[in-house]
Amino acid sequence: MNKHKVKQITSIVESLWGEHSLIPGFDVGELITSLGIEYKVMKFKDKISGLFIIHEDKKFICVNEAESFERQRFSAGHEVGHYYLHKTNPLSVFKSEIIFYRNEDSKMGSVREEIEANYFSACLLMPAFLIEKEISFDISIDENIKNLAPKYKVSSSAMAIRLNALGFF
């Protein structure tokens, strides 16, 4: 991902945290609703983790109820990323609908928009400006992950990936 996109995402995330007075582990559904987007946790037939749909003037973010709570949060953050970064460049368009979705392919990181949305979600849920203040150099990286993941309501693997991306190991 280029430096311009990283700066853009960081700026959006920092604005969201300030404007919405977010705290670690914040309710992603409440944030989505405050953005004027309807949020739904629902059952999907396919292996889809989340959807962002624009239908006429209405916007929806839906996550798969079969996924873990932490995965639902990450998928919701991923879809918020699509809202901010890609709503004018949809992955799928059906008549008057614009649809983005997170599935198994999204996790592989092979589509630029999916990489950016994953990065957006990581930044939104685990912002660098807070993680950098909370990381402890007096304990192991595994202990940091064990302490931080529940606070930010993310999986241990998501926290490990984020700490690695931030250069902590």
N, C-alpha and C. Protein backbone atom coordinates (compact mmCIF):
# COMPACT_ATOMS: atom_id res chain seq x y z
N MET A 1 0.85 -1.17 0.00
CA MET A 1 0.00 0.00 0.00
C MET A 1 0.90 1.24 0.00
N ASN A 2 0.52 2.24 -0.79
CA ASN A 2 1.39 3.41 -0.89
C ASN A 2 1.24 4.33 0.33
N LYS A 3 2.24 5.19 0.52
CA LYS A 3 2.28 6.08 1.69
C LYS A 3 1.09 7.04 1.73
N HIS A 4 0.64 7.48 0.57
CA HIS A 4 -0.50 8.39 0.52
C HIS A 4 -1.75 7.73 1.09
N LYS A 5 -1.99 6.46 0.73
CA LYS A 5 -3.17 5.73 1.22
C LYS A 5 -3.06 5.51 2.73
N VAL A 6 -1.86 5.18 3.20
CA VAL A 6 -1.65 4.99 4.64
C VAL A 6 -1.97 6.29 5.39
N LYS A 7 -1.48 7.42 4.88
CA LYS A 7 -1.76 8.72 5.51
C LYS A 7 -3.25 9.04 5.47
N GLN A 8 -3.90 8.74 4.35
CA GLN A 8 -5.34 8.99 4.22
C GLN A 8 -6.11 8.18 5.26
N ILE A 9 -5.80 6.91 5.38
CA ILE A 9 -6.49 6.05 6.35
C ILE A 9 -6.22 6.52 7.77
N THR A 10 -4.98 6.83 8.08
CA THR A 10 -4.64 7.31 9.42
C THR A 10 -5.41 8.58 9.76
N SER A 11 -5.51 9.48 8.82
CA SER A 11 -6.24 10.74 9.03
C SER A 11 -7.73 10.48 9.28
N ILE A 12 -8.34 9.62 8.47
CA ILE A 12 -9.76 9.30 8.65
C ILE A 12 -9.99 8.67 10.01
N VAL A 13 -9.16 7.71 10.37
CA VAL A 13 -9.31 7.00 11.65
C VAL A 13 -9.14 7.96 12.83
N GLU A 14 -8.13 8.80 12.79
CA GLU A 14 -7.93 9.75 13.88
C GLU A 14 -9.11 10.70 14.00
N SER A 15 -9.67 11.13 12.88
CA SER A 15 -10.86 11.99 12.90
C SER A 15 -12.05 11.26 13.52
N LEU A 16 -12.25 10.01 13.14
CA LEU A 16 -13.36 9.23 13.70
C LEU A 16 -13.21 9.09 15.21
N TRP A 17 -12.00 8.78 15.66
CA TRP A 17 -11.78 8.62 17.09
C TRP A 17 -12.06 9.93 17.84
N GLY A 18 -11.65 11.05 17.28
CA GLY A 18 -11.88 12.34 17.93
C GLY A 18 -13.33 12.78 17.87
N GLU A 19 -13.93 12.72 16.69
CA GLU A 19 -15.31 13.19 16.50
C GLU A 19 -16.33 12.36 17.25
N HIS A 20 -16.06 11.07 17.42
CA HIS A 20 -17.03 10.17 18.05
C HIS A 20 -16.62 9.76 19.46
N SER A 21 -15.56 10.37 19.99
CA SER A 21 -15.07 10.08 21.34
C SER A 21 -14.96 8.57 21.58
N LEU A 22 -14.31 7.90 20.66
CA LEU A 22 -14.18 6.45 20.75
C LEU A 22 -13.20 6.06 21.85
N ILE A 23 -13.42 4.89 22.40
CA ILE A 23 -12.53 4.31 23.40
C ILE A 23 -12.18 2.89 22.95
N PRO A 24 -11.08 2.32 23.43
CA PRO A 24 -10.75 0.95 23.04
C PRO A 24 -11.92 0.00 23.28
N GLY A 25 -12.21 -0.83 22.30
CA GLY A 25 -13.31 -1.78 22.40
C GLY A 25 -14.67 -1.17 22.13
N PHE A 26 -14.70 0.03 21.53
CA PHE A 26 -15.96 0.73 21.28
C PHE A 26 -16.95 -0.14 20.50
N ASP A 27 -18.22 0.23 20.58
CA ASP A 27 -19.29 -0.48 19.88
C ASP A 27 -19.28 -0.07 18.41
N VAL A 28 -18.84 -0.97 17.54
CA VAL A 28 -18.73 -0.67 16.12
C VAL A 28 -20.11 -0.40 15.52
N GLY A 29 -21.12 -1.13 15.97
CA GLY A 29 -22.48 -0.92 15.48
C GLY A 29 -22.97 0.49 15.77
N GLU A 30 -22.67 1.00 16.96
CA GLU A 30 -23.06 2.38 17.30
C GLU A 30 -22.35 3.38 16.40
N LEU A 31 -21.06 3.17 16.14
CA LEU A 31 -20.32 4.06 15.25
C LEU A 31 -20.96 4.05 13.86
N ILE A 32 -21.23 2.86 13.35
CA ILE A 32 -21.82 2.74 12.01
C ILE A 32 -23.16 3.46 11.94
N THR A 33 -23.99 3.26 12.94
CA THR A 33 -25.29 3.93 12.99
C THR A 33 -25.13 5.44 13.03
N SER A 34 -24.14 5.93 13.79
CA SER A 34 -23.92 7.37 13.89
C SER A 34 -23.43 7.96 12.56
N LEU A 35 -22.92 7.11 11.67
CA LEU A 35 -22.49 7.56 10.35
C LEU A 35 -23.65 7.58 9.34
N GLY A 36 -24.84 7.22 9.82
CA GLY A 36 -26.01 7.20 8.94
C GLY A 36 -26.12 5.93 8.13
N ILE A 37 -25.51 4.87 8.61
CA ILE A 37 -25.53 3.58 7.93
C ILE A 37 -26.28 2.59 8.82
N GLU A 38 -27.19 1.84 8.23
CA GLU A 38 -27.89 0.82 9.01
C GLU A 38 -26.96 -0.36 9.23
N TYR A 39 -26.94 -0.88 10.46
CA TYR A 39 -26.05 -1.98 10.82
C TYR A 39 -26.88 -3.20 11.20
N LYS A 40 -26.53 -4.35 10.60
CA LYS A 40 -27.26 -5.58 10.88
C LYS A 40 -26.29 -6.74 11.08
N VAL A 41 -26.61 -7.57 12.07
CA VAL A 41 -25.93 -8.85 12.25
C VAL A 41 -26.94 -9.87 11.76
N MET A 42 -26.56 -10.65 10.75
CA MET A 42 -27.52 -11.55 10.12
C MET A 42 -26.88 -12.84 9.64
N LYS A 43 -27.73 -13.76 9.24
CA LYS A 43 -27.28 -15.05 8.74
C LYS A 43 -27.03 -14.96 7.24
N PHE A 44 -25.88 -15.50 6.79
CA PHE A 44 -25.55 -15.56 5.37
C PHE A 44 -25.49 -17.02 4.94
N LYS A 45 -25.88 -17.27 3.71
CA LYS A 45 -25.80 -18.63 3.16
C LYS A 45 -24.37 -18.97 2.76
N ASP A 46 -23.66 -18.00 2.24
CA ASP A 46 -22.30 -18.23 1.76
C ASP A 46 -21.28 -17.90 2.85
N LYS A 47 -20.00 -18.11 2.53
CA LYS A 47 -18.92 -17.79 3.46
C LYS A 47 -18.56 -16.32 3.38
N ILE A 48 -19.57 -15.48 3.55
CA ILE A 48 -19.36 -14.03 3.53
C ILE A 48 -19.29 -13.55 4.97
N SER A 49 -18.29 -12.77 5.28
CA SER A 49 -18.15 -12.24 6.65
C SER A 49 -18.89 -10.93 6.82
N GLY A 50 -18.95 -10.13 5.76
CA GLY A 50 -19.61 -8.84 5.86
C GLY A 50 -19.94 -8.27 4.51
N LEU A 51 -20.89 -7.34 4.50
CA LEU A 51 -21.32 -6.66 3.29
C LEU A 51 -21.47 -5.17 3.55
N PHE A 52 -21.14 -4.36 2.55
CA PHE A 52 -21.48 -2.94 2.55
C PHE A 52 -22.30 -2.72 1.29
N ILE A 53 -23.53 -2.30 1.45
CA ILE A 53 -24.44 -2.12 0.32
C ILE A 53 -24.93 -0.68 0.30
N ILE A 54 -24.89 -0.09 -0.87
CA ILE A 54 -25.53 1.21 -1.09
C ILE A 54 -26.67 0.93 -2.06
N HIS A 55 -27.88 1.15 -1.62
CA HIS A 55 -29.07 0.97 -2.46
C HIS A 55 -29.82 2.28 -2.50
N GLU A 56 -29.78 2.93 -3.67
CA GLU A 56 -30.36 4.26 -3.83
C GLU A 56 -29.73 5.18 -2.79
N ASP A 57 -30.50 5.73 -1.87
CA ASP A 57 -29.94 6.64 -0.86
C ASP A 57 -29.65 5.95 0.47
N LYS A 58 -29.88 4.66 0.55
CA LYS A 58 -29.70 3.94 1.80
C LYS A 58 -28.39 3.17 1.80
N LYS A 59 -27.77 3.12 2.98
CA LYS A 59 -26.51 2.40 3.15
C LYS A 59 -26.68 1.36 4.25
N PHE A 60 -26.11 0.19 4.02
CA PHE A 60 -26.20 -0.92 4.97
C PHE A 60 -24.84 -1.57 5.14
N ILE A 61 -24.51 -1.90 6.39
CA ILE A 61 -23.37 -2.77 6.67
C ILE A 61 -23.95 -3.96 7.44
N CYS A 62 -23.67 -5.15 6.92
CA CYS A 62 -24.17 -6.38 7.53
C CYS A 62 -22.99 -7.29 7.81
N VAL A 63 -23.02 -7.96 8.96
CA VAL A 63 -21.98 -8.93 9.30
C VAL A 63 -22.63 -10.27 9.60
N ASN A 64 -21.85 -11.32 9.46
CA ASN A 64 -22.33 -12.69 9.60
C ASN A 64 -22.45 -13.07 11.07
N GLU A 65 -23.66 -13.44 11.48
CA GLU A 65 -23.90 -13.82 12.87
C GLU A 65 -23.17 -15.10 13.27
N ALA A 66 -22.77 -15.91 12.31
CA ALA A 66 -22.07 -17.17 12.60
C ALA A 66 -20.60 -16.95 12.95
N GLU A 67 -20.09 -15.76 12.70
CA GLU A 67 -18.69 -15.44 13.00
C GLU A 67 -18.55 -15.06 14.49
N SER A 68 -17.34 -15.18 15.01
CA SER A 68 -17.09 -14.76 16.40
C SER A 68 -17.33 -13.26 16.55
N PHE A 69 -17.55 -12.82 17.77
CA PHE A 69 -17.77 -11.40 18.04
C PHE A 69 -16.62 -10.56 17.51
N GLU A 70 -15.39 -11.01 17.77
CA GLU A 70 -14.21 -10.26 17.33
C GLU A 70 -14.14 -10.19 15.81
N ARG A 71 -14.47 -11.28 15.16
CA ARG A 71 -14.47 -11.31 13.68
C ARG A 71 -15.57 -10.39 13.13
N GLN A 72 -16.74 -10.38 13.78
CA GLN A 72 -17.81 -9.47 13.36
C GLN A 72 -17.33 -8.02 13.44
N ARG A 73 -16.64 -7.68 14.52
CA ARG A 73 -16.12 -6.31 14.68
C ARG A 73 -15.13 -5.98 13.58
N PHE A 74 -14.22 -6.92 13.29
CA PHE A 74 -13.23 -6.65 12.26
C PHE A 74 -13.90 -6.50 10.89
N SER A 75 -14.85 -7.38 10.61
CA SER A 75 -15.58 -7.30 9.34
C SER A 75 -16.35 -5.99 9.23
N ALA A 76 -16.97 -5.56 10.32
CA ALA A 76 -17.70 -4.29 10.31
C ALA A 76 -16.73 -3.14 10.05
N GLY A 77 -15.57 -3.15 10.71
CA GLY A 77 -14.56 -2.12 10.46
C GLY A 77 -14.06 -2.14 9.03
N HIS A 78 -13.92 -3.33 8.47
CA HIS A 78 -13.52 -3.51 7.07
C HIS A 78 -14.54 -2.83 6.15
N GLU A 79 -15.82 -3.04 6.44
CA GLU A 79 -16.87 -2.44 5.61
C GLU A 79 -16.92 -0.92 5.78
N VAL A 80 -16.63 -0.42 6.97
CA VAL A 80 -16.52 1.03 7.17
C VAL A 80 -15.38 1.56 6.30
N GLY A 81 -14.32 0.78 6.19
CA GLY A 81 -13.21 1.15 5.31
C GLY A 81 -13.67 1.30 3.86
N HIS A 82 -14.48 0.36 3.40
CA HIS A 82 -15.03 0.48 2.05
C HIS A 82 -15.87 1.75 1.92
N TYR A 83 -16.63 2.06 2.95
CA TYR A 83 -17.48 3.26 2.93
C TYR A 83 -16.62 4.51 2.71
N TYR A 84 -15.55 4.62 3.44
CA TYR A 84 -14.70 5.82 3.34
C TYR A 84 -13.78 5.81 2.12
N LEU A 85 -13.33 4.65 1.71
CA LEU A 85 -12.29 4.58 0.69
C LEU A 85 -12.76 4.23 -0.71
N HIS A 86 -13.87 3.48 -0.83
CA HIS A 86 -14.19 2.89 -2.13
C HIS A 86 -15.62 3.05 -2.59
N LYS A 87 -16.42 3.84 -1.93
CA LYS A 87 -17.84 3.87 -2.32
C LYS A 87 -18.08 4.38 -3.73
N THR A 88 -17.10 5.04 -4.32
CA THR A 88 -17.26 5.47 -5.71
C THR A 88 -16.61 4.48 -6.68
N ASN A 89 -16.03 3.40 -6.15
CA ASN A 89 -15.37 2.40 -6.98
C ASN A 89 -15.78 1.00 -6.50
N PRO A 90 -17.03 0.62 -6.73
CA PRO A 90 -17.56 -0.63 -6.16
C PRO A 90 -16.91 -1.88 -6.73
N LEU A 91 -16.92 -2.93 -5.89
CA LEU A 91 -16.45 -4.23 -6.34
C LEU A 91 -17.55 -4.95 -7.12
N SER A 92 -18.80 -4.70 -6.78
CA SER A 92 -19.93 -5.31 -7.47
C SER A 92 -21.03 -4.27 -7.62
N VAL A 93 -21.68 -4.25 -8.76
CA VAL A 93 -22.79 -3.33 -8.99
C VAL A 93 -23.94 -4.11 -9.61
N PHE A 94 -25.10 -4.02 -9.01
CA PHE A 94 -26.30 -4.64 -9.55
C PHE A 94 -27.37 -3.58 -9.67
N LYS A 95 -27.67 -3.18 -10.90
CA LYS A 95 -28.67 -2.16 -11.19
C LYS A 95 -28.41 -0.93 -10.33
N SER A 96 -29.26 -0.67 -9.35
CA SER A 96 -29.10 0.54 -8.54
C SER A 96 -28.37 0.28 -7.23
N GLU A 97 -27.73 -0.87 -7.12
CA GLU A 97 -27.04 -1.21 -5.89
C GLU A 97 -25.53 -1.25 -6.09
N ILE A 98 -24.82 -0.83 -5.07
CA ILE A 98 -23.37 -0.97 -5.02
C ILE A 98 -23.08 -1.89 -3.84
N ILE A 99 -22.32 -2.93 -4.07
CA ILE A 99 -22.10 -3.91 -3.02
C ILE A 99 -20.60 -4.19 -2.85
N PHE A 100 -20.15 -4.15 -1.60
CA PHE A 100 -18.81 -4.61 -1.24
C PHE A 100 -19.02 -5.77 -0.29
N TYR A 101 -18.15 -6.75 -0.32
CA TYR A 101 -18.29 -7.84 0.62
C TYR A 101 -16.93 -8.36 1.05
N ARG A 102 -16.89 -8.91 2.26
CA ARG A 102 -15.68 -9.50 2.82
C ARG A 102 -15.90 -10.99 2.91
N ASN A 103 -15.03 -11.76 2.24
CA ASN A 103 -15.15 -13.21 2.25
C ASN A 103 -13.77 -13.84 2.38
N GLU A 104 -13.66 -15.11 2.05
CA GLU A 104 -12.38 -15.82 2.17
C GLU A 104 -11.28 -15.15 1.33
N ASP A 105 -11.64 -14.67 0.12
CA ASP A 105 -10.65 -14.02 -0.74
C ASP A 105 -10.12 -12.74 -0.11
N SER A 106 -10.95 -12.03 0.64
CA SER A 106 -10.54 -10.78 1.28
C SER A 106 -9.38 -11.01 2.24
N LYS A 107 -9.43 -12.14 2.93
CA LYS A 107 -8.39 -12.44 3.91
C LYS A 107 -7.04 -12.71 3.24
N MET A 108 -7.07 -13.12 1.98
CA MET A 108 -5.84 -13.46 1.27
C MET A 108 -5.05 -12.22 0.87
N GLY A 109 -5.71 -11.06 0.83
CA GLY A 109 -5.00 -9.82 0.56
C GLY A 109 -4.50 -9.68 -0.86
N SER A 110 -5.30 -10.14 -1.84
CA SER A 110 -4.84 -10.06 -3.22
C SER A 110 -5.51 -8.94 -4.02
N VAL A 111 -6.57 -8.35 -3.51
CA VAL A 111 -7.27 -7.26 -4.19
C VAL A 111 -6.96 -5.97 -3.43
N ARG A 112 -6.48 -4.95 -4.15
CA ARG A 112 -6.05 -3.70 -3.52
C ARG A 112 -7.11 -3.14 -2.57
N GLU A 113 -8.36 -3.08 -3.01
CA GLU A 113 -9.41 -2.51 -2.17
C GLU A 113 -9.60 -3.31 -0.89
N GLU A 114 -9.42 -4.63 -0.97
CA GLU A 114 -9.57 -5.48 0.21
C GLU A 114 -8.40 -5.30 1.17
N ILE A 115 -7.21 -5.15 0.64
CA ILE A 115 -6.04 -4.87 1.47
C ILE A 115 -6.24 -3.56 2.22
N GLU A 116 -6.70 -2.53 1.50
CA GLU A 116 -6.93 -1.22 2.12
C GLU A 116 -8.02 -1.28 3.17
N ALA A 117 -9.11 -2.02 2.89
CA ALA A 117 -10.20 -2.12 3.87
C ALA A 117 -9.75 -2.90 5.11
N ASN A 118 -8.94 -3.94 4.93
CA ASN A 118 -8.40 -4.67 6.07
C ASN A 118 -7.49 -3.78 6.91
N TYR A 119 -6.66 -3.01 6.25
CA TYR A 119 -5.77 -2.09 6.96
C TYR A 119 -6.59 -1.03 7.70
N PHE A 120 -7.63 -0.51 7.05
CA PHE A 120 -8.51 0.47 7.68
C PHE A 120 -9.10 -0.11 8.96
N SER A 121 -9.61 -1.33 8.88
CA SER A 121 -10.23 -1.95 10.06
C SER A 121 -9.22 -2.12 11.20
N ALA A 122 -8.02 -2.57 10.87
CA ALA A 122 -6.97 -2.71 11.89
C ALA A 122 -6.67 -1.37 12.55
N CYS A 123 -6.56 -0.33 11.73
CA CYS A 123 -6.28 1.01 12.27
C CYS A 123 -7.44 1.54 13.10
N LEU A 124 -8.66 1.29 12.65
CA LEU A 124 -9.84 1.76 13.37
C LEU A 124 -9.98 1.07 14.72
N LEU A 125 -9.83 -0.23 14.74
CA LEU A 125 -10.02 -0.99 15.97
C LEU A 125 -8.82 -0.96 16.90
N MET A 126 -7.62 -0.78 16.32
CA MET A 126 -6.37 -0.80 17.10
C MET A 126 -5.48 0.36 16.64
N PRO A 127 -5.89 1.59 16.93
CA PRO A 127 -5.14 2.73 16.39
C PRO A 127 -3.71 2.82 16.94
N ALA A 128 -2.80 3.10 16.04
CA ALA A 128 -1.38 3.18 16.41
C ALA A 128 -1.14 4.17 17.54
N PHE A 129 -1.83 5.32 17.51
CA PHE A 129 -1.57 6.35 18.52
C PHE A 129 -1.91 5.88 19.93
N LEU A 130 -2.78 4.87 20.07
CA LEU A 130 -3.06 4.31 21.40
C LEU A 130 -2.19 3.09 21.69
N ILE A 131 -2.06 2.22 20.72
CA ILE A 131 -1.26 1.00 20.92
C ILE A 131 0.17 1.38 21.31
N GLU A 132 0.72 2.39 20.67
CA GLU A 132 2.10 2.80 20.97
C GLU A 132 2.25 3.28 22.42
N LYS A 133 1.18 3.82 22.99
CA LYS A 133 1.22 4.26 24.40
C LYS A 133 1.04 3.09 25.37
N GLU A 134 0.37 2.03 24.90
CA GLU A 134 0.01 0.94 25.80
C GLU A 134 0.93 -0.27 25.75
N ILE A 135 1.75 -0.35 24.72
CA ILE A 135 2.66 -1.49 24.62
C ILE A 135 3.66 -1.42 25.78
N SER A 136 3.93 -2.54 26.38
CA SER A 136 4.88 -2.59 27.50
C SER A 136 6.13 -3.34 27.07
N PHE A 137 7.26 -2.72 27.26
CA PHE A 137 8.53 -3.36 26.92
C PHE A 137 9.07 -4.17 28.10
N ASP A 138 8.33 -4.17 29.22
CA ASP A 138 8.73 -4.93 30.39
C ASP A 138 8.19 -6.36 30.37
N ILE A 139 7.32 -6.66 29.41
CA ILE A 139 6.74 -8.00 29.30
C ILE A 139 6.93 -8.51 27.87
N SER A 140 6.69 -9.78 27.68
CA SER A 140 6.88 -10.38 26.35
C SER A 140 5.80 -9.90 25.38
N ILE A 141 6.06 -10.10 24.10
CA ILE A 141 5.08 -9.73 23.08
C ILE A 141 3.80 -10.56 23.25
N ASP A 142 3.96 -11.83 23.64
CA ASP A 142 2.78 -12.67 23.88
C ASP A 142 1.93 -12.13 25.02
N GLU A 143 2.59 -11.64 26.08
CA GLU A 143 1.85 -11.05 27.19
C GLU A 143 1.16 -9.75 26.76
N ASN A 144 1.82 -8.97 25.93
CA ASN A 144 1.19 -7.75 25.40
C ASN A 144 -0.06 -8.10 24.60
N ILE A 145 0.06 -9.12 23.76
CA ILE A 145 -1.09 -9.54 22.96
C ILE A 145 -2.22 -10.00 23.89
N LYS A 146 -1.86 -10.80 24.89
CA LYS A 146 -2.86 -11.31 25.85
C LYS A 146 -3.56 -10.17 26.59
N ASN A 147 -2.83 -9.10 26.89
CA ASN A 147 -3.40 -7.96 27.61
C ASN A 147 -4.21 -7.03 26.71
N LEU A 148 -3.71 -6.80 25.50
CA LEU A 148 -4.32 -5.79 24.62
C LEU A 148 -5.52 -6.31 23.82
N ALA A 149 -5.48 -7.55 23.38
CA ALA A 149 -6.56 -8.08 22.53
C ALA A 149 -7.93 -7.95 23.20
N PRO A 150 -8.11 -8.35 24.46
CA PRO A 150 -9.43 -8.21 25.08
C PRO A 150 -9.85 -6.74 25.27
N LYS A 151 -8.89 -5.89 25.58
CA LYS A 151 -9.20 -4.47 25.78
C LYS A 151 -9.76 -3.85 24.50
N TYR A 152 -9.18 -4.22 23.35
CA TYR A 152 -9.60 -3.67 22.06
C TYR A 152 -10.67 -4.53 21.40
N LYS A 153 -11.04 -5.63 22.05
CA LYS A 153 -12.07 -6.56 21.59
C LYS A 153 -11.77 -7.06 20.17
N VAL A 154 -10.54 -7.53 20.02
CA VAL A 154 -10.10 -8.15 18.77
C VAL A 154 -9.50 -9.50 19.11
N SER A 155 -9.32 -10.34 18.11
CA SER A 155 -8.71 -11.64 18.34
C SER A 155 -7.22 -11.47 18.64
N SER A 156 -6.66 -12.48 19.26
CA SER A 156 -5.22 -12.47 19.53
C SER A 156 -4.43 -12.40 18.22
N SER A 157 -4.92 -13.10 17.20
CA SER A 157 -4.19 -13.07 15.92
C SER A 157 -4.26 -11.69 15.28
N ALA A 158 -5.40 -11.00 15.39
CA ALA A 158 -5.50 -9.64 14.84
C ALA A 158 -4.54 -8.71 15.58
N MET A 159 -4.46 -8.84 16.90
CA MET A 159 -3.56 -8.00 17.67
C MET A 159 -2.11 -8.32 17.33
N ALA A 160 -1.79 -9.59 17.16
CA ALA A 160 -0.41 -9.97 16.81
C ALA A 160 -0.03 -9.38 15.45
N ILE A 161 -0.92 -9.46 14.50
CA ILE A 161 -0.65 -8.90 13.17
C ILE A 161 -0.47 -7.39 13.26
N ARG A 162 -1.31 -6.73 14.06
CA ARG A 162 -1.21 -5.28 14.20
C ARG A 162 0.10 -4.88 14.87
N LEU A 163 0.48 -5.56 15.93
CA LEU A 163 1.73 -5.24 16.62
C LEU A 163 2.93 -5.49 15.70
N ASN A 164 2.85 -6.53 14.90
CA ASN A 164 3.91 -6.79 13.92
C ASN A 164 3.96 -5.67 12.89
N ALA A 165 2.81 -5.25 12.38
CA ALA A 165 2.77 -4.18 11.38
C ALA A 165 3.30 -2.86 11.95
N LEU A 166 3.12 -2.66 13.25
CA LEU A 166 3.61 -1.45 13.90
C LEU A 166 5.09 -1.57 14.28
N GLY A 167 5.68 -2.72 14.03
CA GLY A 167 7.12 -2.90 14.24
C GLY A 167 7.51 -3.31 15.64
N PHE A 168 6.59 -3.89 16.42
CA PHE A 168 6.92 -4.28 17.78
C PHE A 168 7.53 -5.66 17.88
N PHE A 169 7.52 -6.41 16.78
CA PHE A 169 8.26 -7.69 16.75
C PHE A 169 8.43 -8.16 15.34
